[in-house]
Amino acid sequence: MAYQHNNLAQGRWAEMTLSEQMANIGSEISRALHWKRKEKEDYCLKAVVRALELISLTIDSVSTKSHLRELTRLREVVIDYFYSENEYGSSDALFEKYFYPFNVAARNKKN
């Protein structure tokens, strides 16, 4: 498989904490939401593809069953929101609220 985040796929991703991984996923989702609001579907979907790739890398690197369950549900919700009928009733605000604590935790780790 050809990765867009090739250097992360080669092992660097697994060295990050879960909070750092989730913050990076959140950044891609934030980009997707930004482009969605600007009605730039091509850019939006490219960001979603990158986010899904990072989610897959995270799934491959976790060993805790509860984390795996949450990550697979996250992937399902992202696909539903951006590619399907939004059956789960997700919103831009919901994604921003979900990822914000990971951003704070990742930022605090680096300080």
C-alpha atoms as a PDB file:
ATOM      1  CA  MET A   1       0.000   0.000   0.000  1.00  0.00           C
ATOM      2  CA  ALA A   2       1.270   3.472  -0.864  1.00  0.00           C
ATOM      3  CA  TYR A   3       0.959   5.813   2.091  1.00  0.00           C
ATOM      4  CA  GLN A   4       0.598   9.570   1.865  1.00  0.00           C
ATOM      5  CA  HIS A   5       2.263   9.750   5.286  1.00  0.00           C
ATOM      6  CA  ASN A   6       5.123   7.481   4.257  1.00  0.00           C
ATOM      7  CA  ASN A   7       7.578   8.451   7.007  1.00  0.00           C
ATOM      8  CA  LEU A   8       4.895   7.866   9.641  1.00  0.00           C
ATOM      9  CA  ALA A   9       3.943   4.513   8.152  1.00  0.00           C
ATOM     10  CA  GLN A  10       7.547   3.341   8.413  1.00  0.00           C
ATOM     11  CA  GLY A  11       7.389   3.262  12.200  1.00  0.00           C
ATOM     12  CA  ARG A  12       7.467   6.819  13.457  1.00  0.00           C
ATOM     13  CA  TRP A  13       3.702   6.769  14.009  1.00  0.00           C
ATOM     14  CA  ALA A  14       3.891   3.887  16.489  1.00  0.00           C
ATOM     15  CA  GLU A  15       6.423   5.864  18.554  1.00  0.00           C
ATOM     16  CA  MET A  16       3.901   8.644  19.197  1.00  0.00           C
ATOM     17  CA  THR A  17       1.528   8.623  22.148  1.00  0.00           C
ATOM     18  CA  LEU A  18      -2.137   7.927  21.469  1.00  0.00           C
ATOM     19  CA  SER A  19      -2.906  11.590  22.251  1.00  0.00           C
ATOM     20  CA  GLU A  20      -0.377  12.732  19.647  1.00  0.00           C
ATOM     21  CA  GLN A  21      -1.795  10.319  17.097  1.00  0.00           C
ATOM     22  CA  MET A  22      -5.360  11.460  17.775  1.00  0.00           C
ATOM     23  CA  ALA A  23      -4.319  15.135  17.635  1.00  0.00           C
ATOM     24  CA  ASN A  24      -2.815  14.525  14.189  1.00  0.00           C
ATOM     25  CA  ILE A  25      -5.967  12.753  13.044  1.00  0.00           C
ATOM     26  CA  GLY A  26      -7.952  15.693  14.404  1.00  0.00           C
ATOM     27  CA  SER A  27      -5.816  18.098  12.373  1.00  0.00           C
ATOM     28  CA  GLU A  28      -6.701  16.285   9.171  1.00  0.00           C
ATOM     29  CA  ILE A  29     -10.392  16.193  10.132  1.00  0.00           C
ATOM     30  CA  SER A  30     -10.201  19.926  10.884  1.00  0.00           C
ATOM     31  CA  ARG A  31      -8.743  20.529   7.416  1.00  0.00           C
ATOM     32  CA  ALA A  32     -11.526  18.454   5.883  1.00  0.00           C
ATOM     33  CA  LEU A  33     -14.177  20.442   7.758  1.00  0.00           C
ATOM     34  CA  HIS A  34     -12.551  23.711   6.680  1.00  0.00           C
ATOM     35  CA  TRP A  35     -12.640  22.722   3.010  1.00  0.00           C
ATOM     36  CA  LYS A  36     -16.157  21.353   3.369  1.00  0.00           C
ATOM     37  CA  ARG A  37     -17.367  24.741   4.650  1.00  0.00           C
ATOM     38  CA  LYS A  38     -15.621  26.434   1.702  1.00  0.00           C
ATOM     39  CA  GLU A  39     -17.343  23.936  -0.645  1.00  0.00           C
ATOM     40  CA  LYS A  40     -13.994  22.657  -1.975  1.00  0.00           C
ATOM     41  CA  GLU A  41     -14.974  18.991  -2.113  1.00  0.00           C
ATOM     42  CA  ASP A  42     -11.740  17.806  -3.720  1.00  0.00           C
ATOM     43  CA  TYR A  43      -9.558  19.274  -0.951  1.00  0.00           C
ATOM     44  CA  CYS A  44     -12.027  18.085   1.670  1.00  0.00           C
ATOM     45  CA  LEU A  45     -11.938  14.494   0.489  1.00  0.00           C
ATOM     46  CA  LYS A  46      -8.135  14.504   0.230  1.00  0.00           C
ATOM     47  CA  ALA A  47      -7.958  15.513   3.898  1.00  0.00           C
ATOM     48  CA  VAL A  48     -10.471  12.789   4.789  1.00  0.00           C
ATOM     49  CA  VAL A  49      -8.355  10.191   2.986  1.00  0.00           C
ATOM     50  CA  ARG A  50      -5.300  11.341   4.958  1.00  0.00           C
ATOM     51  CA  ALA A  51      -7.293  11.179   8.211  1.00  0.00           C
ATOM     52  CA  LEU A  52      -8.508   7.662   7.414  1.00  0.00           C
ATOM     53  CA  GLU A  53      -4.937   6.635   6.661  1.00  0.00           C
ATOM     54  CA  LEU A  54      -3.824   7.936  10.065  1.00  0.00           C
ATOM     55  CA  ILE A  55      -6.735   6.165  11.747  1.00  0.00           C
ATOM     56  CA  SER A  56      -5.619   2.922  10.081  1.00  0.00           C
ATOM     57  CA  LEU A  57      -2.031   3.453  11.223  1.00  0.00           C
ATOM     58  CA  THR A  58      -3.317   4.046  14.754  1.00  0.00           C
ATOM     59  CA  ILE A  59      -5.459   0.901  14.651  1.00  0.00           C
ATOM     60  CA  ASP A  60      -2.380  -1.040  13.580  1.00  0.00           C
ATOM     61  CA  SER A  61      -0.341   0.346  16.482  1.00  0.00           C
ATOM     62  CA  VAL A  62      -2.740  -0.081  19.434  1.00  0.00           C
ATOM     63  CA  SER A  63      -3.015  -3.111  21.642  1.00  0.00           C
ATOM     64  CA  THR A  64      -5.743  -2.023  24.064  1.00  0.00           C
ATOM     65  CA  LYS A  65      -9.100  -3.493  23.092  1.00  0.00           C
ATOM     66  CA  SER A  66     -11.104  -0.427  24.189  1.00  0.00           C
ATOM     67  CA  HIS A  67      -8.864   1.832  22.070  1.00  0.00           C
ATOM     68  CA  LEU A  68      -9.347  -0.459  19.097  1.00  0.00           C
ATOM     69  CA  ARG A  69     -13.118  -0.334  19.509  1.00  0.00           C
ATOM     70  CA  GLU A  70     -13.136   3.459  19.701  1.00  0.00           C
ATOM     71  CA  LEU A  71     -10.837   3.831  16.701  1.00  0.00           C
ATOM     72  CA  THR A  72     -12.903   1.533  14.512  1.00  0.00           C
ATOM     73  CA  ARG A  73     -16.037   3.440  15.539  1.00  0.00           C
ATOM     74  CA  LEU A  74     -14.285   6.733  14.751  1.00  0.00           C
ATOM     75  CA  ARG A  75     -13.409   5.431  11.283  1.00  0.00           C
ATOM     76  CA  GLU A  76     -17.039   4.398  10.793  1.00  0.00           C
ATOM     77  CA  VAL A  77     -18.340   7.822  11.871  1.00  0.00           C
ATOM     78  CA  VAL A  78     -15.875   9.700   9.645  1.00  0.00           C
ATOM     79  CA  ILE A  79     -16.867   7.613   6.631  1.00  0.00           C
ATOM     80  CA  ASP A  80     -20.552   8.085   7.443  1.00  0.00           C
ATOM     81  CA  TYR A  81     -20.189  11.857   7.779  1.00  0.00           C
ATOM     82  CA  PHE A  82     -18.088  12.572   4.715  1.00  0.00           C
ATOM     83  CA  TYR A  83     -19.115   9.786   2.307  1.00  0.00           C
ATOM     84  CA  SER A  84     -22.580   8.662   3.316  1.00  0.00           C
ATOM     85  CA  GLU A  85     -25.894   9.893   4.707  1.00  0.00           C
ATOM     86  CA  ASN A  86     -24.630  10.952   8.168  1.00  0.00           C
ATOM     87  CA  GLU A  87     -26.856   8.389   9.867  1.00  0.00           C
ATOM     88  CA  TYR A  88     -25.074   9.032  13.174  1.00  0.00           C
ATOM     89  CA  GLY A  89     -26.007  12.720  13.126  1.00  0.00           C
ATOM     90  CA  SER A  90     -22.433  13.955  13.386  1.00  0.00           C
ATOM     91  CA  SER A  91     -21.560  17.626  12.991  1.00  0.00           C
ATOM     92  CA  ASP A  92     -18.544  19.856  12.575  1.00  0.00           C
ATOM     93  CA  ALA A  93     -18.905  20.928  16.207  1.00  0.00           C
ATOM     94  CA  LEU A  94     -19.025  17.311  17.397  1.00  0.00           C
ATOM     95  CA  PHE A  95     -15.730  16.488  15.667  1.00  0.00           C
ATOM     96  CA  GLU A  96     -14.089  19.646  17.022  1.00  0.00           C
ATOM     97  CA  LYS A  97     -15.295  18.847  20.552  1.00  0.00           C
ATOM     98  CA  TYR A  98     -14.101  15.230  20.271  1.00  0.00           C
ATOM     99  CA  PHE A  99     -10.565  16.067  19.104  1.00  0.00           C
ATOM    100  CA  TYR A 100      -9.920  19.157  21.270  1.00  0.00           C
ATOM    101  CA  PRO A 101      -8.825  17.241  24.427  1.00  0.00           C
ATOM    102  CA  PHE A 102      -6.312  15.245  22.385  1.00  0.00           C
ATOM    103  CA  ASN A 103      -4.806  18.480  21.075  1.00  0.00           C
ATOM    104  CA  VAL A 104      -4.465  19.822  24.612  1.00  0.00           C
ATOM    105  CA  ALA A 105      -2.932  16.569  25.896  1.00  0.00           C
ATOM    106  CA  ALA A 106      -0.450  16.375  23.013  1.00  0.00           C
ATOM    107  CA  ARG A 107       0.525  20.015  23.462  1.00  0.00           C
ATOM    108  CA  ASN A 108       0.997  19.584  27.232  1.00  0.00           C
ATOM    109  CA  LYS A 109       3.222  16.555  26.667  1.00  0.00           C
ATOM    110  CA  LYS A 110       5.638  18.661  24.630  1.00  0.00           C
ATOM    111  CA  ASN A 111       5.905  21.414  27.258  1.00  0.00           C
END
